[in-house]
Amino acid sequence: MAPFQTGDNVADQAREEDAIRGIVERLKNAFSATHSPAEVEAAVAKAHASFVDRPVREFVPVLVERQARSILDNHPADNA
């Protein structure tokens, strides 16, 4: 998970982390035929890291999911 800036609300941080875990699980299910769980986790981590410096966190999970889906859609599986 990406680190939060000092002073962030702990409850907001926990909500975002829960949302990211949910995204990982949804995408593992959605891409199970074409990508390994590790590839899905890496795509989500890469997407999430791209938002680390963004001060407004409310929509980060939605944006992470969109970006991770795009990564997975556009990159064939390593084992394919």
PDB file of N, CA and C in Angstrom:
ATOM      1  N   MET A   1       0.829  -1.184   0.000  1.00  0.00           N
ATOM      2  CA  MET A   1       0.000   0.000   0.000  1.00  0.00           C
ATOM      3  C   MET A   1       0.877   1.253   0.000  1.00  0.00           C
ATOM      4  N   ALA A   2       0.390   2.267  -0.623  1.00  0.00           N
ATOM      5  CA  ALA A   2       1.137   3.517  -0.678  1.00  0.00           C
ATOM      6  C   ALA A   2       1.047   4.235   0.665  1.00  0.00           C
ATOM      7  N   PRO A   3       2.111   4.888   1.080  1.00  0.00           N
ATOM      8  CA  PRO A   3       2.092   5.609   2.353  1.00  0.00           C
ATOM      9  C   PRO A   3       1.228   6.864   2.267  1.00  0.00           C
ATOM     10  N   PHE A   4       0.717   7.251   3.388  1.00  0.00           N
ATOM     11  CA  PHE A   4      -0.071   8.469   3.475  1.00  0.00           C
ATOM     12  C   PHE A   4       0.787   9.579   4.051  1.00  0.00           C
ATOM     13  N   GLN A   5       0.414  10.788   3.752  1.00  0.00           N
ATOM     14  CA  GLN A   5       1.119  11.941   4.284  1.00  0.00           C
ATOM     15  C   GLN A   5       0.780  12.110   5.761  1.00  0.00           C
ATOM     16  N   THR A   6       1.683  12.690   6.505  1.00  0.00           N
ATOM     17  CA  THR A   6       1.463  12.953   7.919  1.00  0.00           C
ATOM     18  C   THR A   6       0.224  13.809   8.088  1.00  0.00           C
ATOM     19  N   GLY A   7      -0.602  13.453   9.063  1.00  0.00           N
ATOM     20  CA  GLY A   7      -1.796  14.230   9.340  1.00  0.00           C
ATOM     21  C   GLY A   7      -3.039  13.685   8.664  1.00  0.00           C
ATOM     22  N   ASP A   8      -2.898  12.669   7.828  1.00  0.00           N
ATOM     23  CA  ASP A   8      -4.072  12.073   7.204  1.00  0.00           C
ATOM     24  C   ASP A   8      -4.928  11.400   8.265  1.00  0.00           C
ATOM     25  N   ASN A   9      -6.203  11.397   8.023  1.00  0.00           N
ATOM     26  CA  ASN A   9      -7.138  10.773   8.925  1.00  0.00           C
ATOM     27  C   ASN A   9      -6.953   9.257   8.873  1.00  0.00           C
ATOM     28  N   VAL A  10      -6.781   8.650  10.012  1.00  0.00           N
ATOM     29  CA  VAL A  10      -6.548   7.208  10.094  1.00  0.00           C
ATOM     30  C   VAL A  10      -7.738   6.431   9.529  1.00  0.00           C
ATOM     31  N   ALA A  11      -8.938   6.891   9.795  1.00  0.00           N
ATOM     32  CA  ALA A  11     -10.129   6.213   9.276  1.00  0.00           C
ATOM     33  C   ALA A  11     -10.163   6.275   7.748  1.00  0.00           C
ATOM     34  N   ASP A  12      -9.784   7.423   7.180  1.00  0.00           N
ATOM     35  CA  ASP A  12      -9.737   7.539   5.722  1.00  0.00           C
ATOM     36  C   ASP A  12      -8.688   6.609   5.139  1.00  0.00           C
ATOM     37  N   GLN A  13      -7.550   6.515   5.791  1.00  0.00           N
ATOM     38  CA  GLN A  13      -6.484   5.623   5.349  1.00  0.00           C
ATOM     39  C   GLN A  13      -6.966   4.174   5.372  1.00  0.00           C
ATOM     40  N   ALA A  14      -7.633   3.782   6.434  1.00  0.00           N
ATOM     41  CA  ALA A  14      -8.136   2.414   6.556  1.00  0.00           C
ATOM     42  C   ALA A  14      -9.171   2.121   5.478  1.00  0.00           C
ATOM     43  N   ARG A  15     -10.045   3.084   5.194  1.00  0.00           N
ATOM     44  CA  ARG A  15     -11.049   2.907   4.140  1.00  0.00           C
ATOM     45  C   ARG A  15     -10.391   2.711   2.780  1.00  0.00           C
ATOM     46  N   GLU A  16      -9.378   3.521   2.511  1.00  0.00           N
ATOM     47  CA  GLU A  16      -8.688   3.399   1.225  1.00  0.00           C
ATOM     48  C   GLU A  16      -7.988   2.044   1.122  1.00  0.00           C
ATOM     49  N   GLU A  17      -7.323   1.613   2.176  1.00  0.00           N
ATOM     50  CA  GLU A  17      -6.643   0.319   2.163  1.00  0.00           C
ATOM     51  C   GLU A  17      -7.635  -0.822   1.971  1.00  0.00           C
ATOM     52  N   ASP A  18      -8.787  -0.742   2.621  1.00  0.00           N
ATOM     53  CA  ASP A  18      -9.830  -1.758   2.433  1.00  0.00           C
ATOM     54  C   ASP A  18     -10.319  -1.762   0.985  1.00  0.00           C
ATOM     55  N   ALA A  19     -10.501  -0.580   0.427  1.00  0.00           N
ATOM     56  CA  ALA A  19     -10.948  -0.476  -0.962  1.00  0.00           C
ATOM     57  C   ALA A  19      -9.925  -1.069  -1.917  1.00  0.00           C
ATOM     58  N   ILE A  20      -8.656  -0.827  -1.662  1.00  0.00           N
ATOM     59  CA  ILE A  20      -7.596  -1.368  -2.523  1.00  0.00           C
ATOM     60  C   ILE A  20      -7.567  -2.890  -2.425  1.00  0.00           C
ATOM     61  N   ARG A  21      -7.734  -3.430  -1.221  1.00  0.00           N
ATOM     62  CA  ARG A  21      -7.796  -4.894  -1.082  1.00  0.00           C
ATOM     63  C   ARG A  21      -8.979  -5.462  -1.864  1.00  0.00           C
ATOM     64  N   GLY A  22     -10.104  -4.767  -1.834  1.00  0.00           N
ATOM     65  CA  GLY A  22     -11.273  -5.197  -2.600  1.00  0.00           C
ATOM     66  C   GLY A  22     -11.013  -5.166  -4.094  1.00  0.00           C
ATOM     67  N   ILE A  23     -10.302  -4.154  -4.541  1.00  0.00           N
ATOM     68  CA  ILE A  23      -9.947  -4.047  -5.957  1.00  0.00           C
ATOM     69  C   ILE A  23      -9.072  -5.225  -6.359  1.00  0.00           C
ATOM     70  N   VAL A  24      -8.092  -5.542  -5.540  1.00  0.00           N
ATOM     71  CA  VAL A  24      -7.209  -6.675  -5.842  1.00  0.00           C
ATOM     72  C   VAL A  24      -8.040  -7.942  -6.000  1.00  0.00           C
ATOM     73  N   GLU A  25      -8.952  -8.192  -5.088  1.00  0.00           N
ATOM     74  CA  GLU A  25      -9.767  -9.407  -5.161  1.00  0.00           C
ATOM     75  C   GLU A  25     -10.664  -9.409  -6.400  1.00  0.00           C
ATOM     76  N   ARG A  26     -11.306  -8.280  -6.694  1.00  0.00           N
ATOM     77  CA  ARG A  26     -12.161  -8.199  -7.893  1.00  0.00           C
ATOM     78  C   ARG A  26     -11.366  -8.450  -9.158  1.00  0.00           C
ATOM     79  N   LEU A  27     -10.199  -7.835  -9.240  1.00  0.00           N
ATOM     80  CA  LEU A  27      -9.397  -7.989 -10.451  1.00  0.00           C
ATOM     81  C   LEU A  27      -8.774  -9.380 -10.554  1.00  0.00           C
ATOM     82  N   LYS A  28      -8.448  -9.994  -9.436  1.00  0.00           N
ATOM     83  CA  LYS A  28      -7.970 -11.381  -9.481  1.00  0.00           C
ATOM     84  C   LYS A  28      -9.044 -12.273 -10.089  1.00  0.00           C
ATOM     85  N   ASN A  29     -10.292 -12.054  -9.681  1.00  0.00           N
ATOM     86  CA  ASN A  29     -11.402 -12.834 -10.238  1.00  0.00           C
ATOM     87  C   ASN A  29     -11.630 -12.507 -11.703  1.00  0.00           C
ATOM     88  N   ALA A  30     -11.613 -11.244 -12.046  1.00  0.00           N
ATOM     89  CA  ALA A  30     -11.898 -10.813 -13.412  1.00  0.00           C
ATOM     90  C   ALA A  30     -10.815 -11.245 -14.398  1.00  0.00           C
ATOM     91  N   PHE A  31      -9.575 -11.305 -13.947  1.00  0.00           N
ATOM     92  CA  PHE A  31      -8.457 -11.604 -14.841  1.00  0.00           C
ATOM     93  C   PHE A  31      -7.821 -12.971 -14.563  1.00  0.00           C
ATOM     94  N   SER A  32      -8.532 -13.828 -13.857  1.00  0.00           N
ATOM     95  CA  SER A  32      -7.947 -15.122 -13.478  1.00  0.00           C
ATOM     96  C   SER A  32      -7.585 -15.988 -14.684  1.00  0.00           C
ATOM     97  N   ALA A  33      -8.260 -15.805 -15.795  1.00  0.00           N
ATOM     98  CA  ALA A  33      -7.973 -16.613 -16.988  1.00  0.00           C
ATOM     99  C   ALA A  33      -6.743 -16.118 -17.741  1.00  0.00           C
ATOM    100  N   THR A  34      -6.363 -14.866 -17.512  1.00  0.00           N
ATOM    101  CA  THR A  34      -5.279 -14.293 -18.316  1.00  0.00           C
ATOM    102  C   THR A  34      -4.076 -13.805 -17.526  1.00  0.00           C
ATOM    103  N   HIS A  35      -4.243 -13.605 -16.216  1.00  0.00           N
ATOM    104  CA  HIS A  35      -3.147 -13.057 -15.407  1.00  0.00           C
ATOM    105  C   HIS A  35      -3.075 -13.773 -14.068  1.00  0.00           C
ATOM    106  N   SER A  36      -1.867 -13.957 -13.594  1.00  0.00           N
ATOM    107  CA  SER A  36      -1.669 -14.580 -12.284  1.00  0.00           C
ATOM    108  C   SER A  36      -2.060 -13.588 -11.184  1.00  0.00           C
ATOM    109  N   PRO A  37      -2.345 -14.101  -9.990  1.00  0.00           N
ATOM    110  CA  PRO A  37      -2.632 -13.206  -8.870  1.00  0.00           C
ATOM    111  C   PRO A  37      -1.493 -12.202  -8.631  1.00  0.00           C
ATOM    112  N   ALA A  38      -0.260 -12.638  -8.794  1.00  0.00           N
ATOM    113  CA  ALA A  38       0.888 -11.740  -8.591  1.00  0.00           C
ATOM    114  C   ALA A  38       0.894 -10.613  -9.615  1.00  0.00           C
ATOM    115  N   GLU A  39       0.524 -10.918 -10.851  1.00  0.00           N
ATOM    116  CA  GLU A  39       0.462  -9.870 -11.882  1.00  0.00           C
ATOM    117  C   GLU A  39      -0.627  -8.857 -11.568  1.00  0.00           C
ATOM    118  N   VAL A  40      -1.748  -9.338 -11.070  1.00  0.00           N
ATOM    119  CA  VAL A  40      -2.840  -8.434 -10.684  1.00  0.00           C
ATOM    120  C   VAL A  40      -2.392  -7.549  -9.525  1.00  0.00           C
ATOM    121  N   GLU A  41      -1.786  -8.149  -8.524  1.00  0.00           N
ATOM    122  CA  GLU A  41      -1.305  -7.380  -7.370  1.00  0.00           C
ATOM    123  C   GLU A  41      -0.287  -6.332  -7.804  1.00  0.00           C
ATOM    124  N   ALA A  42       0.590  -6.692  -8.723  1.00  0.00           N
ATOM    125  CA  ALA A  42       1.599  -5.745  -9.211  1.00  0.00           C
ATOM    126  C   ALA A  42       0.941  -4.596  -9.974  1.00  0.00           C
ATOM    127  N   ALA A  43      -0.069  -4.889 -10.770  1.00  0.00           N
ATOM    128  CA  ALA A  43      -0.760  -3.838 -11.522  1.00  0.00           C
ATOM    129  C   ALA A  43      -1.463  -2.864 -10.574  1.00  0.00           C
ATOM    130  N   VAL A  44      -2.107  -3.407  -9.548  1.00  0.00           N
ATOM    131  CA  VAL A  44      -2.789  -2.550  -8.574  1.00  0.00           C
ATOM    132  C   VAL A  44      -1.766  -1.728  -7.795  1.00  0.00           C
ATOM    133  N   ALA A  45      -0.678  -2.338  -7.399  1.00  0.00           N
ATOM    134  CA  ALA A  45       0.364  -1.610  -6.658  1.00  0.00           C
ATOM    135  C   ALA A  45       0.947  -0.482  -7.510  1.00  0.00           C
ATOM    136  N   LYS A  46       1.196  -0.775  -8.780  1.00  0.00           N
ATOM    137  CA  LYS A  46       1.721   0.252  -9.688  1.00  0.00           C
ATOM    138  C   LYS A  46       0.729   1.402  -9.835  1.00  0.00           C
ATOM    139  N   ALA A  47      -0.530   1.064 -10.032  1.00  0.00           N
ATOM    140  CA  ALA A  47      -1.559   2.097 -10.172  1.00  0.00           C
ATOM    141  C   ALA A  47      -1.677   2.912  -8.887  1.00  0.00           C
ATOM    142  N   HIS A  48      -1.703   2.235  -7.758  1.00  0.00           N
ATOM    143  CA  HIS A  48      -1.853   2.921  -6.470  1.00  0.00           C
ATOM    144  C   HIS A  48      -0.659   3.842  -6.200  1.00  0.00           C
ATOM    145  N   ALA A  49       0.531   3.390  -6.541  1.00  0.00           N
ATOM    146  CA  ALA A  49       1.729   4.201  -6.320  1.00  0.00           C
ATOM    147  C   ALA A  49       1.694   5.498  -7.122  1.00  0.00           C
ATOM    148  N   SER A  50       1.012   5.485  -8.255  1.00  0.00           N
ATOM    149  CA  SER A  50       0.964   6.695  -9.084  1.00  0.00           C
ATOM    150  C   SER A  50       0.142   7.810  -8.441  1.00  0.00           C
ATOM    151  N   PHE A  51      -0.602   7.486  -7.386  1.00  0.00           N
ATOM    152  CA  PHE A  51      -1.430   8.486  -6.708  1.00  0.00           C
ATOM    153  C   PHE A  51      -0.906   8.850  -5.317  1.00  0.00           C
ATOM    154  N   VAL A  52       0.292   8.413  -4.978  1.00  0.00           N
ATOM    155  CA  VAL A  52       0.820   8.591  -3.626  1.00  0.00           C
ATOM    156  C   VAL A  52       0.893  10.062  -3.196  1.00  0.00           C
ATOM    157  N   ASP A  53       1.200  10.949  -4.101  1.00  0.00           N
ATOM    158  CA  ASP A  53       1.360  12.362  -3.742  1.00  0.00           C
ATOM    159  C   ASP A  53       0.095  13.191  -3.920  1.00  0.00           C
ATOM    160  N   ARG A  54      -0.994  12.563  -4.245  1.00  0.00           N
ATOM    161  CA  ARG A  54      -2.237  13.302  -4.456  1.00  0.00           C
ATOM    162  C   ARG A  54      -2.882  13.633  -3.113  1.00  0.00           C
ATOM    163  N   PRO A  55      -3.165  14.896  -2.867  1.00  0.00           N
ATOM    164  CA  PRO A  55      -3.710  15.276  -1.566  1.00  0.00           C
ATOM    165  C   PRO A  55      -5.173  14.869  -1.371  1.00  0.00           C
ATOM    166  N   VAL A  56      -5.951  14.831  -2.438  1.00  0.00           N
ATOM    167  CA  VAL A  56      -7.356  14.449  -2.330  1.00  0.00           C
ATOM    168  C   VAL A  56      -7.437  12.948  -2.571  1.00  0.00           C
ATOM    169  N   ARG A  57      -7.863  12.196  -1.560  1.00  0.00           N
ATOM    170  CA  ARG A  57      -7.812  10.735  -1.594  1.00  0.00           C
ATOM    171  C   ARG A  57      -9.159  10.091  -1.910  1.00  0.00           C
ATOM    172  N   GLU A  58     -10.228  10.863  -1.916  1.00  0.00           N
ATOM    173  CA  GLU A  58     -11.578  10.307  -2.004  1.00  0.00           C
ATOM    174  C   GLU A  58     -11.791   9.388  -3.197  1.00  0.00           C
ATOM    175  N   PHE A  59     -11.269   9.752  -4.361  1.00  0.00           N
ATOM    176  CA  PHE A  59     -11.517   8.975  -5.563  1.00  0.00           C
ATOM    177  C   PHE A  59     -10.342   8.088  -5.966  1.00  0.00           C
ATOM    178  N   VAL A  60      -9.334   8.011  -5.143  1.00  0.00           N
ATOM    179  CA  VAL A  60      -8.148   7.217  -5.477  1.00  0.00           C
ATOM    180  C   VAL A  60      -8.507   5.757  -5.770  1.00  0.00           C
ATOM    181  N   PRO A  61      -9.323   5.083  -4.956  1.00  0.00           N
ATOM    182  CA  PRO A  61      -9.630   3.683  -5.284  1.00  0.00           C
ATOM    183  C   PRO A  61     -10.266   3.501  -6.666  1.00  0.00           C
ATOM    184  N   VAL A  62     -11.166   4.364  -7.034  1.00  0.00           N
ATOM    185  CA  VAL A  62     -11.806   4.274  -8.360  1.00  0.00           C
ATOM    186  C   VAL A  62     -10.765   4.458  -9.459  1.00  0.00           C
ATOM    187  N   LEU A  63      -9.914   5.427  -9.279  1.00  0.00           N
ATOM    188  CA  LEU A  63      -8.877   5.695 -10.275  1.00  0.00           C
ATOM    189  C   LEU A  63      -7.855   4.561 -10.333  1.00  0.00           C
ATOM    190  N   VAL A  64      -7.525   3.994  -9.195  1.00  0.00           N
ATOM    191  CA  VAL A  64      -6.595   2.863  -9.151  1.00  0.00           C
ATOM    192  C   VAL A  64      -7.182   1.683  -9.914  1.00  0.00           C
ATOM    193  N   GLU A  65      -8.455   1.394  -9.682  1.00  0.00           N
ATOM    194  CA  GLU A  65      -9.070   0.256 -10.370  1.00  0.00           C
ATOM    195  C   GLU A  65      -9.079   0.468 -11.877  1.00  0.00           C
ATOM    196  N   ARG A  66      -9.434   1.652 -12.317  1.00  0.00           N
ATOM    197  CA  ARG A  66      -9.433   1.941 -13.758  1.00  0.00           C
ATOM    198  C   ARG A  66      -8.042   1.778 -14.355  1.00  0.00           C
ATOM    199  N   GLN A  67      -7.038   2.321 -13.684  1.00  0.00           N
ATOM    200  CA  GLN A  67      -5.672   2.253 -14.197  1.00  0.00           C
ATOM    201  C   GLN A  67      -5.161   0.813 -14.183  1.00  0.00           C
ATOM    202  N   ALA A  68      -5.440   0.069 -13.134  1.00  0.00           N
ATOM    203  CA  ALA A  68      -4.989  -1.322 -13.052  1.00  0.00           C
ATOM    204  C   ALA A  68      -5.662  -2.170 -14.136  1.00  0.00           C
ATOM    205  N   ARG A  69      -6.957  -1.954 -14.362  1.00  0.00           N
ATOM    206  CA  ARG A  69      -7.642  -2.676 -15.444  1.00  0.00           C
ATOM    207  C   ARG A  69      -6.992  -2.368 -16.788  1.00  0.00           C
ATOM    208  N   SER A  70      -6.661  -1.123 -17.000  1.00  0.00           N
ATOM    209  CA  SER A  70      -6.017  -0.722 -18.250  1.00  0.00           C
ATOM    210  C   SER A  70      -4.664  -1.418 -18.406  1.00  0.00           C
ATOM    211  N   ILE A  71      -3.896  -1.467 -17.340  1.00  0.00           N
ATOM    212  CA  ILE A  71      -2.600  -2.147 -17.370  1.00  0.00           C
ATOM    213  C   ILE A  71      -2.796  -3.618 -17.741  1.00  0.00           C
ATOM    214  N   LEU A  72      -3.749  -4.267 -17.088  1.00  0.00           N
ATOM    215  CA  LEU A  72      -3.967  -5.691 -17.331  1.00  0.00           C
ATOM    216  C   LEU A  72      -4.548  -5.955 -18.713  1.00  0.00           C
ATOM    217  N   ASP A  73      -5.430  -5.078 -19.178  1.00  0.00           N
ATOM    218  CA  ASP A  73      -6.020  -5.233 -20.512  1.00  0.00           C
ATOM    219  C   ASP A  73      -4.981  -5.078 -21.611  1.00  0.00           C
ATOM    220  N   ASN A  74      -4.021  -4.201 -21.386  1.00  0.00           N
ATOM    221  CA  ASN A  74      -3.066  -3.854 -22.429  1.00  0.00           C
ATOM    222  C   ASN A  74      -1.751  -4.620 -22.380  1.00  0.00           C
ATOM    223  N   HIS A  75      -1.575  -5.452 -21.362  1.00  0.00           N
ATOM    224  CA  HIS A  75      -0.336  -6.223 -21.242  1.00  0.00           C
ATOM    225  C   HIS A  75      -0.682  -7.699 -21.112  1.00  0.00           C
ATOM    226  N   PRO A  76      -0.265  -8.483 -22.080  1.00  0.00           N
ATOM    227  CA  PRO A  76      -0.548  -9.920 -21.972  1.00  0.00           C
ATOM    228  C   PRO A  76       0.178 -10.527 -20.771  1.00  0.00           C
ATOM    229  N   ALA A  77      -0.352 -11.604 -20.305  1.00  0.00           N
ATOM    230  CA  ALA A  77       0.255 -12.302 -19.162  1.00  0.00           C
ATOM    231  C   ALA A  77       1.655 -12.762 -19.503  1.00  0.00           C
ATOM    232  N   ASP A  78       2.535 -12.748 -18.508  1.00  0.00           N
ATOM    233  CA  ASP A  78       3.913 -13.195 -18.703  1.00  0.00           C
ATOM    234  C   ASP A  78       3.968 -14.684 -19.051  1.00  0.00           C
ATOM    235  N   ASN A  79       3.002 -15.440 -18.523  1.00  0.00           N
ATOM    236  CA  ASN A  79       3.034 -16.882 -18.741  1.00  0.00           C
ATOM    237  C   ASN A  79       2.189 -17.332 -19.935  1.00  0.00           C
ATOM    238  N   ALA A  80       1.674 -16.403 -20.699  1.00  0.00           N
ATOM    239  CA  ALA A  80       0.817 -16.763 -21.839  1.00  0.00           C
ATOM    240  C   ALA A  80       1.642 -17.027 -23.073  1.00  0.00           C
TER     241      ALA A  80
END
